[in-house]
């Protein structure tokens, strides 16, 4: 009797996260720390590098089939950058990617970012454990109003 080998399909179910530094902000230490923490927690992470346009970030999200995208913004341009990212994602039909961010973002801007579709904003003092836990709990879940922290 000839034995037929079984074929198993291996599916990588790791969470795929793009971490991006949009605009002219040249400070990326925090983004690199977050990217490493997510990677060390078992997630697949793509770090875009500095000075990315929203167009480049959305293209990376699409090409990498990301589950989430996190923007690090320290320049004060967060309202403009997140708004453009949201617009481009809508244009591309990307409606299943969780958007989150962090940086120097005033508390009073967080509700407006939520209206743009930003699920969570991490402000100074957030720990990498907070971020990892939040991503694990919220990627794939419906997004609601963002919370700061």
Protein backbone atom coordinates (compact mmCIF):
# COMPACT_ATOMS: atom_id res chain seq x y z
CA UNK A 1 0.00 0.00 0.00
CA UNK A 2 1.35 3.39 -1.00
CA UNK A 3 1.28 5.92 1.75
CA UNK A 4 0.19 9.42 0.75
CA UNK A 5 1.94 12.15 2.76
CA UNK A 6 -0.26 14.61 4.57
CA UNK A 7 0.14 18.23 3.66
CA UNK A 8 -0.24 20.81 6.37
CA UNK A 9 -0.76 24.45 5.63
CA UNK A 10 1.12 26.66 8.01
CA UNK A 11 -0.66 29.92 8.67
CA UNK A 12 1.20 32.73 10.39
CA UNK A 13 -1.38 34.20 12.72
CA UNK A 14 0.93 36.75 14.30
CA UNK A 15 -0.38 40.28 14.51
CA UNK A 16 1.21 42.43 11.78
CA UNK A 17 1.89 46.02 12.80
CA UNK A 18 3.37 48.90 10.82
CA UNK A 19 5.10 51.52 12.97
CA UNK A 20 5.61 54.80 11.14
CA UNK A 21 7.26 58.18 11.62
CA UNK A 22 5.38 60.62 9.40
CA UNK A 23 6.43 64.10 8.44
CA UNK A 24 9.60 65.97 9.21
CA UNK A 25 9.99 64.78 12.80
CA UNK A 26 13.46 63.26 13.13
CA UNK A 27 13.13 61.76 16.61
CA UNK A 28 12.53 58.03 16.32
CA UNK A 29 13.81 56.50 19.54
CA UNK A 30 10.30 56.02 20.95
CA UNK A 31 9.02 54.46 17.72
CA UNK A 32 11.96 52.04 17.70
CA UNK A 33 11.36 51.11 21.35
CA UNK A 34 7.67 50.41 20.62
CA UNK A 35 8.55 48.43 17.47
CA UNK A 36 10.99 46.29 19.43
CA UNK A 37 8.52 45.72 22.28
CA UNK A 38 5.83 44.57 19.85
CA UNK A 39 8.32 42.31 18.06
CA UNK A 40 9.56 40.86 21.35
CA UNK A 41 5.91 40.14 22.22
CA UNK A 42 5.66 37.93 19.14
CA UNK A 43 4.18 40.35 16.64
CA UNK A 44 5.47 40.92 13.14
CA UNK A 45 6.56 44.55 12.94
CA UNK A 46 7.51 46.71 9.97
CA UNK A 47 9.21 49.98 10.91
CA UNK A 48 9.02 52.47 8.04
CA UNK A 49 11.88 54.71 9.10
CA UNK A 50 11.92 58.49 9.34
CA UNK A 51 10.24 61.15 7.20
CA UNK A 52 7.45 59.06 5.70
CA UNK A 53 4.52 60.65 3.90
CA UNK A 54 1.00 59.45 4.70
CA UNK A 55 0.93 58.06 1.14
CA UNK A 56 4.04 55.96 1.82
CA UNK A 57 2.63 54.74 5.12
CA UNK A 58 -0.69 53.64 3.60
CA UNK A 59 1.16 51.90 0.77
CA UNK A 60 3.23 50.01 3.34
CA UNK A 61 0.08 49.05 5.28
CA UNK A 62 -1.48 47.68 2.09
CA UNK A 63 1.65 45.92 0.82
CA UNK A 64 2.37 44.32 4.20
CA UNK A 65 -1.28 43.34 4.77
CA UNK A 66 -1.03 44.92 8.21
CA UNK A 67 -3.54 44.43 11.00
CA UNK A 68 -2.62 47.72 12.66
CA UNK A 69 -0.64 50.88 12.05
CA UNK A 70 0.90 53.02 14.75
CA UNK A 71 2.12 56.56 14.10
CA UNK A 72 4.63 58.34 16.29
CA UNK A 73 4.21 62.10 16.05
CA UNK A 74 6.26 64.55 18.08
CA UNK A 75 6.13 67.51 15.70
CA UNK A 76 2.71 68.91 16.58
CA UNK A 77 1.36 68.00 13.14
CA UNK A 78 -0.71 65.07 14.45
CA UNK A 79 -4.11 66.44 13.38
CA UNK A 80 -2.96 66.96 9.79
CA UNK A 81 -1.03 63.69 9.54
CA UNK A 82 -3.71 61.46 11.04
CA UNK A 83 -6.41 63.18 8.95
CA UNK A 84 -4.47 62.56 5.74
CA UNK A 85 -3.76 58.95 6.73
CA UNK A 86 -7.48 58.38 7.40
CA UNK A 87 -8.44 59.97 4.07
CA UNK A 88 -5.98 57.81 2.13
CA UNK A 89 -7.06 54.65 3.91
CA UNK A 90 -10.71 55.38 3.03
CA UNK A 91 -9.74 56.01 -0.60
CA UNK A 92 -7.91 52.67 -0.73
CA UNK A 93 -10.77 50.82 0.97
CA UNK A 94 -8.61 49.96 3.97
CA UNK A 95 -11.22 49.64 6.70
CA UNK A 96 -9.94 46.64 8.65
CA UNK A 97 -6.69 48.12 10.00
CA UNK A 98 -6.59 49.46 13.54
CA UNK A 99 -4.95 52.90 13.76
CA UNK A 100 -3.21 54.03 16.91
CA UNK A 101 -0.60 56.62 17.74
CA UNK A 102 1.60 58.20 20.27
CA UNK A 103 3.79 61.16 20.97
CA UNK A 104 3.33 64.68 22.17
CA UNK A 105 -0.41 64.95 21.62
CA UNK A 106 -2.53 67.25 23.81
CA UNK A 107 -5.39 65.59 25.68
CA UNK A 108 -7.87 67.98 24.07
CA UNK A 109 -6.96 66.66 20.60
CA UNK A 110 -7.62 63.00 21.44
CA UNK A 111 -11.42 63.10 20.95
CA UNK A 112 -10.99 64.72 17.52
CA UNK A 113 -8.47 62.04 16.56
CA UNK A 114 -11.08 59.47 17.57
CA UNK A 115 -13.50 60.99 15.08
CA UNK A 116 -10.82 60.43 12.43
CA UNK A 117 -10.68 56.74 13.35
CA UNK A 118 -7.70 56.69 15.71
CA UNK A 119 -8.49 53.93 18.19
CA UNK A 120 -5.92 54.84 20.85
CA UNK A 121 -3.40 57.56 21.60
CA UNK A 122 -0.47 56.81 23.89
CA UNK A 123 0.96 59.90 25.52
CA UNK A 124 4.24 60.33 27.41
CA UNK A 125 4.43 57.95 30.35
CA UNK A 126 2.72 55.03 28.59
CA UNK A 127 4.72 51.86 29.07
CA UNK A 128 5.62 49.37 26.40
CA UNK A 129 3.59 46.83 28.38
CA UNK A 130 0.54 49.12 28.12
CA UNK A 131 1.02 49.34 24.35
CA UNK A 132 1.62 45.62 23.80
CA UNK A 133 -1.38 44.67 25.94
CA UNK A 134 -3.61 47.17 24.15
CA UNK A 135 -2.59 45.94 20.70
CA UNK A 136 -3.19 42.31 21.71
CA UNK A 137 -6.62 43.17 23.08
CA UNK A 138 -7.79 45.48 20.30
CA UNK A 139 -6.40 44.43 16.98
CA UNK A 140 -9.25 42.81 15.09
CA UNK A 141 -11.85 44.28 17.45
CA UNK A 142 -14.17 47.10 16.38
CA UNK A 143 -12.68 50.48 17.16
CA UNK A 144 -14.49 52.97 19.34
CA UNK A 145 -13.62 56.33 20.82
CA UNK A 146 -9.90 56.57 21.52
CA UNK A 147 -8.49 56.74 24.95
CA UNK A 148 -5.36 58.55 26.04
CA UNK A 149 -2.69 57.31 28.32
